[in-house]
């Protein structure tokens, strides 16, 4: 089958995928698109929203519809790296045996990731970047495909540990969940207070998801689109050429090269799910907000004056 035929088949299956997820998740169409774009582009996502917006259920449903293994880790202040990665134990024959931790799964839900200390947060760094885990000098490959979808509560600051910039940069997208609309909330209440339990059928398999990731990477991109993505990232850095006054005044650090890479990967995926065989500048603009906002380090002045990351990014778009 040619790449063109494979892309057309992917577009059809993507529509079926959204329908299956829609059996359980009401509304949140844009959020689901951003999550799925991140997954098919081979990245990790940080979901930020107040309690009760079905973040955990959303990730579980996406995993089921994609036909992927799923593990959930509840991050707490006393969680240790070995609780995530696994540890070596002495078996009956007095040999050390490695027992895999919950990180060994296709999709790992890191629930309330900012509730655990930096030492434990750092245990995910190698897993997210290299898709490998090193324990006691031995390296173990993680399943393929592999995604970390982390949740974070934006309102409870007591007892939380802000994610370090190095870890934030490992996430392709920072996705904000808002309250559902009035009509959607009515549908949610009807669905969740009945005895119905919709069954989500898998539309893909693990090897198919991996194949789609490679297919999307083969999509050609025009030079002017790549240049636009790199220019967008460069313009987010204070003191750079063409940087606007808003960046220079309110941003301490801008996005790094990983942002440019993720902009192109996400733009390719966004183009593909909309039936286009090559992304354009509009595709880059569409995915820019979730890709860039967690990579901008604002200063105290921006926080004091209420200048958000969204406002700053809109100014460079």
C-alpha atoms as a PDB file:
ATOM      1  CA  UNK A   1       0.000   0.000   0.000  1.00  0.00           C
ATOM      2  CA  UNK A   2       1.369   3.433  -0.937  1.00  0.00           C
ATOM      3  CA  UNK A   3       1.881   6.181   1.660  1.00  0.00           C
ATOM      4  CA  UNK A   4      -1.003   8.135   0.117  1.00  0.00           C
ATOM      5  CA  UNK A   5      -3.371   5.179   0.524  1.00  0.00           C
ATOM      6  CA  UNK A   6      -2.109   4.646   4.088  1.00  0.00           C
ATOM      7  CA  UNK A   7      -2.794   8.300   4.928  1.00  0.00           C
ATOM      8  CA  UNK A   8      -6.320   8.072   3.515  1.00  0.00           C
ATOM      9  CA  UNK A   9      -6.903   4.917   5.581  1.00  0.00           C
ATOM     10  CA  UNK A  10      -5.575   6.729   8.676  1.00  0.00           C
ATOM     11  CA  UNK A  11      -8.007   9.631   8.132  1.00  0.00           C
ATOM     12  CA  UNK A  12     -10.936   7.185   7.988  1.00  0.00           C
ATOM     13  CA  UNK A  13      -9.803   5.345  11.119  1.00  0.00           C
ATOM     14  CA  UNK A  14      -9.227   8.636  12.935  1.00  0.00           C
ATOM     15  CA  UNK A  15     -12.912   9.505  12.471  1.00  0.00           C
ATOM     16  CA  UNK A  16     -13.887   6.069  13.874  1.00  0.00           C
ATOM     17  CA  UNK A  17     -11.471   6.626  16.761  1.00  0.00           C
ATOM     18  CA  UNK A  18     -13.130   9.913  17.697  1.00  0.00           C
ATOM     19  CA  UNK A  19     -16.556   8.228  17.580  1.00  0.00           C
ATOM     20  CA  UNK A  20     -15.430   5.453  19.942  1.00  0.00           C
ATOM     21  CA  UNK A  21     -13.946   7.930  22.417  1.00  0.00           C
ATOM     22  CA  UNK A  22     -17.155  10.010  22.130  1.00  0.00           C
ATOM     23  CA  UNK A  23     -19.119   7.092  23.623  1.00  0.00           C
ATOM     24  CA  UNK A  24     -17.511   7.887  26.990  1.00  0.00           C
ATOM     25  CA  UNK A  25     -16.137  11.434  26.743  1.00  0.00           C
ATOM     26  CA  UNK A  26     -18.742  14.135  26.088  1.00  0.00           C
ATOM     27  CA  UNK A  27     -17.495  17.294  24.361  1.00  0.00           C
ATOM     28  CA  UNK A  28     -13.824  18.334  24.849  1.00  0.00           C
ATOM     29  CA  UNK A  29     -13.326  17.868  21.091  1.00  0.00           C
ATOM     30  CA  UNK A  30     -10.374  20.249  20.829  1.00  0.00           C
ATOM     31  CA  UNK A  31      -8.675  18.724  23.873  1.00  0.00           C
ATOM     32  CA  UNK A  32      -9.045  15.222  22.415  1.00  0.00           C
ATOM     33  CA  UNK A  33      -7.614  16.396  19.099  1.00  0.00           C
ATOM     34  CA  UNK A  34      -4.576  17.858  20.882  1.00  0.00           C
ATOM     35  CA  UNK A  35      -4.045  14.636  22.864  1.00  0.00           C
ATOM     36  CA  UNK A  36      -4.328  12.447  19.749  1.00  0.00           C
ATOM     37  CA  UNK A  37      -2.063  14.742  17.712  1.00  0.00           C
ATOM     38  CA  UNK A  38       0.543  14.444  20.479  1.00  0.00           C
ATOM     39  CA  UNK A  39       0.201  10.647  20.592  1.00  0.00           C
ATOM     40  CA  UNK A  40       0.429  10.101  16.823  1.00  0.00           C
ATOM     41  CA  UNK A  41       3.315  12.577  16.607  1.00  0.00           C
ATOM     42  CA  UNK A  42       5.162  10.423  19.172  1.00  0.00           C
ATOM     43  CA  UNK A  43       5.193  12.963  22.005  1.00  0.00           C
ATOM     44  CA  UNK A  44       4.089  13.260  25.616  1.00  0.00           C
ATOM     45  CA  UNK A  45       1.292  15.492  26.910  1.00  0.00           C
ATOM     46  CA  UNK A  46       0.697  17.436  30.118  1.00  0.00           C
ATOM     47  CA  UNK A  47      -3.024  17.832  30.899  1.00  0.00           C
ATOM     48  CA  UNK A  48      -3.795  20.813  33.120  1.00  0.00           C
ATOM     49  CA  UNK A  49      -7.265  21.292  34.584  1.00  0.00           C
ATOM     50  CA  UNK A  50      -9.286  21.551  37.789  1.00  0.00           C
ATOM     51  CA  UNK A  51     -10.549  18.341  39.475  1.00  0.00           C
ATOM     52  CA  UNK A  52     -13.560  16.563  38.021  1.00  0.00           C
ATOM     53  CA  UNK A  53     -12.969  17.250  34.320  1.00  0.00           C
ATOM     54  CA  UNK A  54     -12.426  13.540  33.535  1.00  0.00           C
ATOM     55  CA  UNK A  55      -8.707  13.853  32.783  1.00  0.00           C
ATOM     56  CA  UNK A  56      -7.974  10.324  34.023  1.00  0.00           C
ATOM     57  CA  UNK A  57     -11.031   8.853  32.287  1.00  0.00           C
ATOM     58  CA  UNK A  58     -10.021  10.605  29.069  1.00  0.00           C
ATOM     59  CA  UNK A  59      -6.562   9.025  29.081  1.00  0.00           C
ATOM     60  CA  UNK A  60      -7.983   5.567  29.907  1.00  0.00           C
ATOM     61  CA  UNK A  61     -10.503   5.860  27.068  1.00  0.00           C
ATOM     62  CA  UNK A  62      -7.863   6.999  24.566  1.00  0.00           C
ATOM     63  CA  UNK A  63      -5.677   4.021  25.542  1.00  0.00           C
ATOM     64  CA  UNK A  64      -8.584   1.590  25.089  1.00  0.00           C
ATOM     65  CA  UNK A  65      -9.574   3.035  21.691  1.00  0.00           C
ATOM     66  CA  UNK A  66      -5.954   2.860  20.492  1.00  0.00           C
ATOM     67  CA  UNK A  67      -5.623  -0.755  21.644  1.00  0.00           C
ATOM     68  CA  UNK A  68      -2.686   0.084  23.924  1.00  0.00           C
ATOM     69  CA  UNK A  69      -1.643  -1.144  27.366  1.00  0.00           C
ATOM     70  CA  UNK A  70      -2.317   1.362  30.122  1.00  0.00           C
ATOM     71  CA  UNK A  71      -0.882   1.949  33.610  1.00  0.00           C
ATOM     72  CA  UNK A  72      -1.777   4.667  36.083  1.00  0.00           C
ATOM     73  CA  UNK A  73       0.680   6.005  38.652  1.00  0.00           C
ATOM     74  CA  UNK A  74      -0.712   8.166  41.454  1.00  0.00           C
ATOM     75  CA  UNK A  75       2.058  10.620  42.299  1.00  0.00           C
ATOM     76  CA  UNK A  76       2.301  11.355  46.036  1.00  0.00           C
ATOM     77  CA  UNK A  77       4.946  13.098  48.213  1.00  0.00           C
ATOM     78  CA  UNK A  78       6.315   9.754  49.464  1.00  0.00           C
ATOM     79  CA  UNK A  79       6.605   8.100  46.021  1.00  0.00           C
ATOM     80  CA  UNK A  80      10.116   6.782  45.287  1.00  0.00           C
ATOM     81  CA  UNK A  81      11.822   6.329  41.867  1.00  0.00           C
ATOM     82  CA  UNK A  82      11.766   2.534  42.341  1.00  0.00           C
ATOM     83  CA  UNK A  83       7.961   2.701  42.696  1.00  0.00           C
ATOM     84  CA  UNK A  84       7.870   3.966  39.102  1.00  0.00           C
ATOM     85  CA  UNK A  85      10.777   2.250  37.375  1.00  0.00           C
ATOM     86  CA  UNK A  86      10.900  -1.061  39.256  1.00  0.00           C
ATOM     87  CA  UNK A  87      13.623  -2.622  41.392  1.00  0.00           C
ATOM     88  CA  UNK A  88      15.864  -5.633  41.747  1.00  0.00           C
ATOM     89  CA  UNK A  89      14.884  -8.307  44.251  1.00  0.00           C
ATOM     90  CA  UNK A  90      16.612 -11.451  45.449  1.00  0.00           C
ATOM     91  CA  UNK A  91      14.765 -14.521  44.141  1.00  0.00           C
ATOM     92  CA  UNK A  92      14.636 -18.056  45.557  1.00  0.00           C
ATOM     93  CA  UNK A  93      17.897 -19.048  43.833  1.00  0.00           C
ATOM     94  CA  UNK A  94      19.656 -16.057  45.456  1.00  0.00           C
ATOM     95  CA  UNK A  95      20.003 -14.193  42.150  1.00  0.00           C
ATOM     96  CA  UNK A  96      18.913 -10.635  41.587  1.00  0.00           C
ATOM     97  CA  UNK A  97      15.827 -10.364  39.434  1.00  0.00           C
ATOM     98  CA  UNK A  98      14.441  -7.122  37.997  1.00  0.00           C
ATOM     99  CA  UNK A  99      10.757  -6.541  38.669  1.00  0.00           C
ATOM    100  CA  UNK A 100       9.360  -4.007  36.197  1.00  0.00           C
ATOM    101  CA  UNK A 101       7.503  -0.989  37.540  1.00  0.00           C
ATOM    102  CA  UNK A 102       4.325   0.606  36.142  1.00  0.00           C
ATOM    103  CA  UNK A 103       6.374   2.731  33.725  1.00  0.00           C
ATOM    104  CA  UNK A 104       6.590  -0.366  31.483  1.00  0.00           C
ATOM    105  CA  UNK A 105       3.396   0.202  29.517  1.00  0.00           C
ATOM    106  CA  UNK A 106       2.370   1.774  26.199  1.00  0.00           C
ATOM    107  CA  UNK A 107       0.534   4.632  27.886  1.00  0.00           C
ATOM    108  CA  UNK A 108       1.519   5.774  31.373  1.00  0.00           C
ATOM    109  CA  UNK A 109      -0.802   8.150  33.192  1.00  0.00           C
ATOM    110  CA  UNK A 110       1.255  10.181  35.661  1.00  0.00           C
ATOM    111  CA  UNK A 111      -1.615  11.415  37.822  1.00  0.00           C
ATOM    112  CA  UNK A 112      -0.949  14.722  39.633  1.00  0.00           C
ATOM    113  CA  UNK A 113       2.704  14.642  38.626  1.00  0.00           C
ATOM    114  CA  UNK A 114       3.487  17.845  40.548  1.00  0.00           C
ATOM    115  CA  UNK A 115       2.661  16.227  43.917  1.00  0.00           C
ATOM    116  CA  UNK A 116       5.913  14.254  44.065  1.00  0.00           C
ATOM    117  CA  UNK A 117       9.422  15.620  44.850  1.00  0.00           C
ATOM    118  CA  UNK A 118      11.909  16.445  42.050  1.00  0.00           C
ATOM    119  CA  UNK A 119      13.954  13.282  42.734  1.00  0.00           C
ATOM    120  CA  UNK A 120      10.993  11.107  41.772  1.00  0.00           C
ATOM    121  CA  UNK A 121       9.896  13.384  38.913  1.00  0.00           C
ATOM    122  CA  UNK A 122      13.413  13.044  37.467  1.00  0.00           C
ATOM    123  CA  UNK A 123      12.969   9.253  37.279  1.00  0.00           C
ATOM    124  CA  UNK A 124      10.737   9.855  34.258  1.00  0.00           C
ATOM    125  CA  UNK A 125      13.280  11.969  32.347  1.00  0.00           C
ATOM    126  CA  UNK A 126      15.207   9.073  30.747  1.00  0.00           C
ATOM    127  CA  UNK A 127      11.986   7.144  30.087  1.00  0.00           C
ATOM    128  CA  UNK A 128      10.385  10.098  28.296  1.00  0.00           C
ATOM    129  CA  UNK A 129      13.408  11.024  26.197  1.00  0.00           C
ATOM    130  CA  UNK A 130      15.207   7.739  25.490  1.00  0.00           C
ATOM    131  CA  UNK A 131      12.286   5.289  25.861  1.00  0.00           C
ATOM    132  CA  UNK A 132      14.617   3.319  28.149  1.00  0.00           C
ATOM    133  CA  UNK A 133      15.056   2.753  31.876  1.00  0.00           C
ATOM    134  CA  UNK A 134      18.379   2.228  33.674  1.00  0.00           C
ATOM    135  CA  UNK A 135      18.277   0.431  37.026  1.00  0.00           C
ATOM    136  CA  UNK A 136      21.357  -0.874  38.896  1.00  0.00           C
ATOM    137  CA  UNK A 137      23.548  -0.397  35.824  1.00  0.00           C
ATOM    138  CA  UNK A 138      21.253  -2.345  33.484  1.00  0.00           C
ATOM    139  CA  UNK A 139      19.232  -0.697  30.704  1.00  0.00           C
ATOM    140  CA  UNK A 140      15.773  -1.943  29.762  1.00  0.00           C
ATOM    141  CA  UNK A 141      13.786  -0.930  26.674  1.00  0.00           C
ATOM    142  CA  UNK A 142      10.256   0.363  27.210  1.00  0.00           C
ATOM    143  CA  UNK A 143       7.347  -0.925  25.090  1.00  0.00           C
ATOM    144  CA  UNK A 144       6.750   0.651  21.694  1.00  0.00           C
ATOM    145  CA  UNK A 145       4.871   2.904  21.213  1.00  0.00           C
ATOM    146  CA  UNK A 146       5.403   4.707  24.517  1.00  0.00           C
ATOM    147  CA  UNK A 147       3.629   7.803  25.829  1.00  0.00           C
ATOM    148  CA  UNK A 148       3.506   9.641  29.134  1.00  0.00           C
ATOM    149  CA  UNK A 149       0.288  11.579  29.692  1.00  0.00           C
ATOM    150  CA  UNK A 150       0.582  13.541  32.928  1.00  0.00           C
ATOM    151  CA  UNK A 151      -2.114  15.481  34.780  1.00  0.00           C
ATOM    152  CA  UNK A 152      -1.638  18.568  36.890  1.00  0.00           C
ATOM    153  CA  UNK A 153      -4.036  20.537  39.059  1.00  0.00           C
ATOM    154  CA  UNK A 154      -3.538  24.286  38.518  1.00  0.00           C
ATOM    155  CA  UNK A 155      -5.314  25.535  41.648  1.00  0.00           C
ATOM    156  CA  UNK A 156      -3.955  23.573  44.610  1.00  0.00           C
ATOM    157  CA  UNK A 157      -0.428  24.890  45.204  1.00  0.00           C
ATOM    158  CA  UNK A 158       0.022  23.629  48.777  1.00  0.00           C
ATOM    159  CA  UNK A 159       2.086  20.437  48.873  1.00  0.00           C
ATOM    160  CA  UNK A 160       3.101  20.606  45.214  1.00  0.00           C
ATOM    161  CA  UNK A 161       6.493  20.724  43.537  1.00  0.00           C
ATOM    162  CA  UNK A 162       6.709  22.748  40.291  1.00  0.00           C
ATOM    163  CA  UNK A 163       7.994  20.716  37.352  1.00  0.00           C
ATOM    164  CA  UNK A 164      11.589  21.657  36.440  1.00  0.00           C
ATOM    165  CA  UNK A 165      12.127  23.257  33.046  1.00  0.00           C
ATOM    166  CA  UNK A 166      14.049  20.205  31.759  1.00  0.00           C
ATOM    167  CA  UNK A 167      11.046  17.990  32.430  1.00  0.00           C
ATOM    168  CA  UNK A 168       8.505  20.472  31.069  1.00  0.00           C
ATOM    169  CA  UNK A 169      10.493  20.571  27.834  1.00  0.00           C
ATOM    170  CA  UNK A 170      10.112  16.779  27.488  1.00  0.00           C
ATOM    171  CA  UNK A 171       6.358  17.246  27.073  1.00  0.00           C
ATOM    172  CA  UNK A 172       5.387  17.978  23.491  1.00  0.00           C
ATOM    173  CA  UNK A 173       2.113  19.656  24.487  1.00  0.00           C
ATOM    174  CA  UNK A 174       0.617  21.397  27.497  1.00  0.00           C
ATOM    175  CA  UNK A 175      -3.140  20.972  27.122  1.00  0.00           C
ATOM    176  CA  UNK A 176      -5.576  23.026  29.191  1.00  0.00           C
ATOM    177  CA  UNK A 177      -8.988  21.561  29.999  1.00  0.00           C
ATOM    178  CA  UNK A 178     -11.858  23.962  30.625  1.00  0.00           C
ATOM    179  CA  UNK A 179     -15.290  23.393  32.127  1.00  0.00           C
ATOM    180  CA  UNK A 180     -17.806  21.746  29.769  1.00  0.00           C
ATOM    181  CA  UNK A 181     -20.557  23.808  28.142  1.00  0.00           C
ATOM    182  CA  UNK A 182     -24.033  23.839  29.743  1.00  0.00           C
ATOM    183  CA  UNK A 183     -25.468  21.355  27.208  1.00  0.00           C
ATOM    184  CA  UNK A 184     -22.420  19.078  27.436  1.00  0.00           C
ATOM    185  CA  UNK A 185     -22.678  19.033  31.218  1.00  0.00           C
ATOM    186  CA  UNK A 186     -26.315  17.948  30.960  1.00  0.00           C
ATOM    187  CA  UNK A 187     -25.233  15.043  28.714  1.00  0.00           C
ATOM    188  CA  UNK A 188     -22.396  14.155  31.120  1.00  0.00           C
ATOM    189  CA  UNK A 189     -24.772  14.017  34.094  1.00  0.00           C
ATOM    190  CA  UNK A 190     -27.265  11.862  32.171  1.00  0.00           C
ATOM    191  CA  UNK A 191     -24.520   9.457  31.064  1.00  0.00           C
ATOM    192  CA  UNK A 192     -22.748   9.117  34.416  1.00  0.00           C
ATOM    193  CA  UNK A 193     -25.849   8.784  36.614  1.00  0.00           C
ATOM    194  CA  UNK A 194     -27.363   5.908  34.632  1.00  0.00           C
ATOM    195  CA  UNK A 195     -26.505   2.206  34.706  1.00  0.00           C
ATOM    196  CA  UNK A 196     -25.112   2.292  31.162  1.00  0.00           C
ATOM    197  CA  UNK A 197     -21.451   1.419  30.656  1.00  0.00           C
ATOM    198  CA  UNK A 198     -20.466   2.085  27.023  1.00  0.00           C
ATOM    199  CA  UNK A 199     -17.884  -0.330  25.660  1.00  0.00           C
ATOM    200  CA  UNK A 200     -14.993   1.244  23.774  1.00  0.00           C
ATOM    201  CA  UNK A 201     -13.713  -0.932  20.938  1.00  0.00           C
ATOM    202  CA  UNK A 202     -10.057  -0.671  19.888  1.00  0.00           C
ATOM    203  CA  UNK A 203      -9.683   0.926  16.451  1.00  0.00           C
ATOM    204  CA  UNK A 204      -5.901   0.471  16.255  1.00  0.00           C
ATOM    205  CA  UNK A 205      -3.246  -1.936  17.561  1.00  0.00           C
ATOM    206  CA  UNK A 206       0.107  -1.061  19.103  1.00  0.00           C
ATOM    207  CA  UNK A 207       2.088  -1.922  15.946  1.00  0.00           C
ATOM    208  CA  UNK A 208      -0.351   0.105  13.809  1.00  0.00           C
ATOM    209  CA  UNK A 209       0.169   3.177  16.010  1.00  0.00           C
ATOM    210  CA  UNK A 210       3.946   2.791  15.614  1.00  0.00           C
ATOM    211  CA  UNK A 211       3.551   2.422  11.841  1.00  0.00           C
ATOM    212  CA  UNK A 212       1.426   5.597  11.681  1.00  0.00           C
ATOM    213  CA  UNK A 213       4.110   7.493  13.612  1.00  0.00           C
ATOM    214  CA  UNK A 214       6.715   6.506  10.998  1.00  0.00           C
ATOM    215  CA  UNK A 215       4.255   7.313   8.187  1.00  0.00           C
ATOM    216  CA  UNK A 216       3.648  10.823   9.550  1.00  0.00           C
ATOM    217  CA  UNK A 217       7.385  11.468   9.804  1.00  0.00           C
ATOM    218  CA  UNK A 218       7.680  10.684   6.061  1.00  0.00           C
ATOM    219  CA  UNK A 219       5.256  13.492   5.173  1.00  0.00           C
ATOM    220  CA  UNK A 220       7.178  16.151   3.192  1.00  0.00           C
ATOM    221  CA  UNK A 221       7.364  19.720   4.524  1.00  0.00           C
ATOM    222  CA  UNK A 222       8.121  22.815   2.458  1.00  0.00           C
ATOM    223  CA  UNK A 223      11.202  24.824   3.476  1.00  0.00           C
ATOM    224  CA  UNK A 224       9.162  27.963   4.153  1.00  0.00           C
ATOM    225  CA  UNK A 225       7.032  26.048   6.691  1.00  0.00           C
ATOM    226  CA  UNK A 226      10.127  24.794   8.532  1.00  0.00           C
ATOM    227  CA  UNK A 227      11.580  28.319   8.462  1.00  0.00           C
ATOM    228  CA  UNK A 228       8.324  29.715   9.882  1.00  0.00           C
ATOM    229  CA  UNK A 229       8.359  27.179  12.771  1.00  0.00           C
ATOM    230  CA  UNK A 230      11.992  27.962  13.617  1.00  0.00           C
ATOM    231  CA  UNK A 231      11.351  31.716  13.356  1.00  0.00           C
ATOM    232  CA  UNK A 232       8.365  31.350  15.710  1.00  0.00           C
ATOM    233  CA  UNK A 233      10.560  29.601  18.283  1.00  0.00           C
ATOM    234  CA  UNK A 234      13.394  32.099  17.835  1.00  0.00           C
ATOM    235  CA  UNK A 235      11.003  35.022  18.290  1.00  0.00           C
ATOM    236  CA  UNK A 236      10.011  33.652  21.710  1.00  0.00           C
ATOM    237  CA  UNK A 237      13.549  34.261  23.041  1.00  0.00           C
ATOM    238  CA  UNK A 238      14.281  37.642  24.648  1.00  0.00           C
ATOM    239  CA  UNK A 239      17.042  39.601  22.952  1.00  0.00           C
ATOM    240  CA  UNK A 240      16.850  37.730  19.636  1.00  0.00           C
ATOM    241  CA  UNK A 241      16.477  39.472  16.286  1.00  0.00           C
ATOM    242  CA  UNK A 242      12.829  40.340  15.473  1.00  0.00           C
ATOM    243  CA  UNK A 243      11.750  39.658  19.088  1.00  0.00           C
ATOM    244  CA  UNK A 244       8.868  41.971  19.984  1.00  0.00           C
ATOM    245  CA  UNK A 245       8.599  44.272  23.018  1.00  0.00           C
ATOM    246  CA  UNK A 246       6.196  41.938  24.851  1.00  0.00           C
ATOM    247  CA  UNK A 247       8.751  39.091  24.823  1.00  0.00           C
ATOM    248  CA  UNK A 248      11.614  41.319  25.931  1.00  0.00           C
ATOM    249  CA  UNK A 249       9.563  42.802  28.754  1.00  0.00           C
ATOM    250  CA  UNK A 250       7.775  39.775  30.171  1.00  0.00           C
ATOM    251  CA  UNK A 251       9.796  36.630  29.295  1.00  0.00           C
ATOM    252  CA  UNK A 252      13.003  35.449  31.001  1.00  0.00           C
ATOM    253  CA  UNK A 253      13.629  32.411  28.795  1.00  0.00           C
ATOM    254  CA  UNK A 254      12.097  31.397  25.486  1.00  0.00           C
ATOM    255  CA  UNK A 255      11.535  28.025  23.817  1.00  0.00           C
ATOM    256  CA  UNK A 256      14.453  25.813  22.776  1.00  0.00           C
ATOM    257  CA  UNK A 257      15.100  23.811  19.586  1.00  0.00           C
ATOM    258  CA  UNK A 258      12.882  20.944  20.799  1.00  0.00           C
ATOM    259  CA  UNK A 259       9.932  23.317  20.332  1.00  0.00           C
ATOM    260  CA  UNK A 260      10.779  23.762  16.627  1.00  0.00           C
ATOM    261  CA  UNK A 261      10.965  19.986  16.150  1.00  0.00           C
ATOM    262  CA  UNK A 262       7.635  19.473  17.914  1.00  0.00           C
ATOM    263  CA  UNK A 263       5.950  22.249  15.926  1.00  0.00           C
ATOM    264  CA  UNK A 264       6.777  20.450  12.667  1.00  0.00           C
ATOM    265  CA  UNK A 265       5.814  16.982  13.956  1.00  0.00           C
ATOM    266  CA  UNK A 266       2.503  18.272  15.330  1.00  0.00           C
ATOM    267  CA  UNK A 267       1.826  20.278  12.140  1.00  0.00           C
ATOM    268  CA  UNK A 268       2.383  17.127  10.043  1.00  0.00           C
ATOM    269  CA  UNK A 269      -0.078  15.206  12.220  1.00  0.00           C
ATOM    270  CA  UNK A 270      -2.647  18.025  12.197  1.00  0.00           C
ATOM    271  CA  UNK A 271      -2.423  18.192   8.410  1.00  0.00           C
ATOM    272  CA  UNK A 272      -2.810  14.398   8.082  1.00  0.00           C
ATOM    273  CA  UNK A 273      -5.934  14.104  10.254  1.00  0.00           C
ATOM    274  CA  UNK A 274      -7.500  16.813   8.094  1.00  0.00           C
ATOM    275  CA  UNK A 275      -6.730  14.940   4.879  1.00  0.00           C
ATOM    276  CA  UNK A 276      -3.770  17.072   3.746  1.00  0.00           C
ATOM    277  CA  UNK A 277      -0.589  15.474   2.449  1.00  0.00           C
ATOM    278  CA  UNK A 278       1.735  18.254   3.538  1.00  0.00           C
ATOM    279  CA  UNK A 279       1.445  20.853   6.336  1.00  0.00           C
ATOM    280  CA  UNK A 280       1.367  24.581   5.687  1.00  0.00           C
ATOM    281  CA  UNK A 281       1.927  27.615   7.919  1.00  0.00           C
ATOM    282  CA  UNK A 282      -1.702  27.528   9.116  1.00  0.00           C
ATOM    283  CA  UNK A 283      -1.136  24.026  10.523  1.00  0.00           C
ATOM    284  CA  UNK A 284       1.884  25.310  12.452  1.00  0.00           C
ATOM    285  CA  UNK A 285      -0.150  28.220  13.824  1.00  0.00           C
ATOM    286  CA  UNK A 286      -2.943  25.868  14.920  1.00  0.00           C
ATOM    287  CA  UNK A 287      -0.636  23.687  17.024  1.00  0.00           C
ATOM    288  CA  UNK A 288       1.615  26.500  18.311  1.00  0.00           C
ATOM    289  CA  UNK A 289      -0.236  27.288  21.543  1.00  0.00           C
ATOM    290  CA  UNK A 290      -0.010  23.874  23.269  1.00  0.00           C
ATOM    291  CA  UNK A 291       3.543  23.351  21.965  1.00  0.00           C
ATOM    292  CA  UNK A 292       4.991  26.680  23.149  1.00  0.00           C
ATOM    293  CA  UNK A 293       3.129  27.826  26.260  1.00  0.00           C
ATOM    294  CA  UNK A 294       4.863  25.579  28.816  1.00  0.00           C
ATOM    295  CA  UNK A 295       8.267  26.425  27.347  1.00  0.00           C
ATOM    296  CA  UNK A 296       8.090  30.162  28.036  1.00  0.00           C
ATOM    297  CA  UNK A 297       9.511  31.161  31.424  1.00  0.00           C
ATOM    298  CA  UNK A 298       7.715  34.367  32.381  1.00  0.00           C
ATOM    299  CA  UNK A 299       9.152  36.900  34.825  1.00  0.00           C
ATOM    300  CA  UNK A 300       7.533  38.359  37.953  1.00  0.00           C
ATOM    301  CA  UNK A 301       6.335  41.417  36.038  1.00  0.00           C
ATOM    302  CA  UNK A 302       4.201  39.333  33.682  1.00  0.00           C
ATOM    303  CA  UNK A 303       2.593  37.494  36.611  1.00  0.00           C
ATOM    304  CA  UNK A 304       1.951  40.747  38.470  1.00  0.00           C
ATOM    305  CA  UNK A 305       0.334  42.353  35.430  1.00  0.00           C
ATOM    306  CA  UNK A 306      -1.612  39.232  34.402  1.00  0.00           C
ATOM    307  CA  UNK A 307       0.162  38.742  31.059  1.00  0.00           C
ATOM    308  CA  UNK A 308      -0.402  35.052  30.279  1.00  0.00           C
ATOM    309  CA  UNK A 309       1.574  32.704  28.030  1.00  0.00           C
ATOM    310  CA  UNK A 310      -1.350  32.689  25.594  1.00  0.00           C
ATOM    311  CA  UNK A 311      -1.201  36.477  25.218  1.00  0.00           C
ATOM    312  CA  UNK A 312       2.556  36.366  24.650  1.00  0.00           C
ATOM    313  CA  UNK A 313       2.331  33.580  22.037  1.00  0.00           C
ATOM    314  CA  UNK A 314      -0.517  35.340  20.198  1.00  0.00           C
ATOM    315  CA  UNK A 315       1.757  38.380  19.925  1.00  0.00           C
ATOM    316  CA  UNK A 316       4.421  36.397  18.007  1.00  0.00           C
ATOM    317  CA  UNK A 317       1.915  34.517  15.857  1.00  0.00           C
END
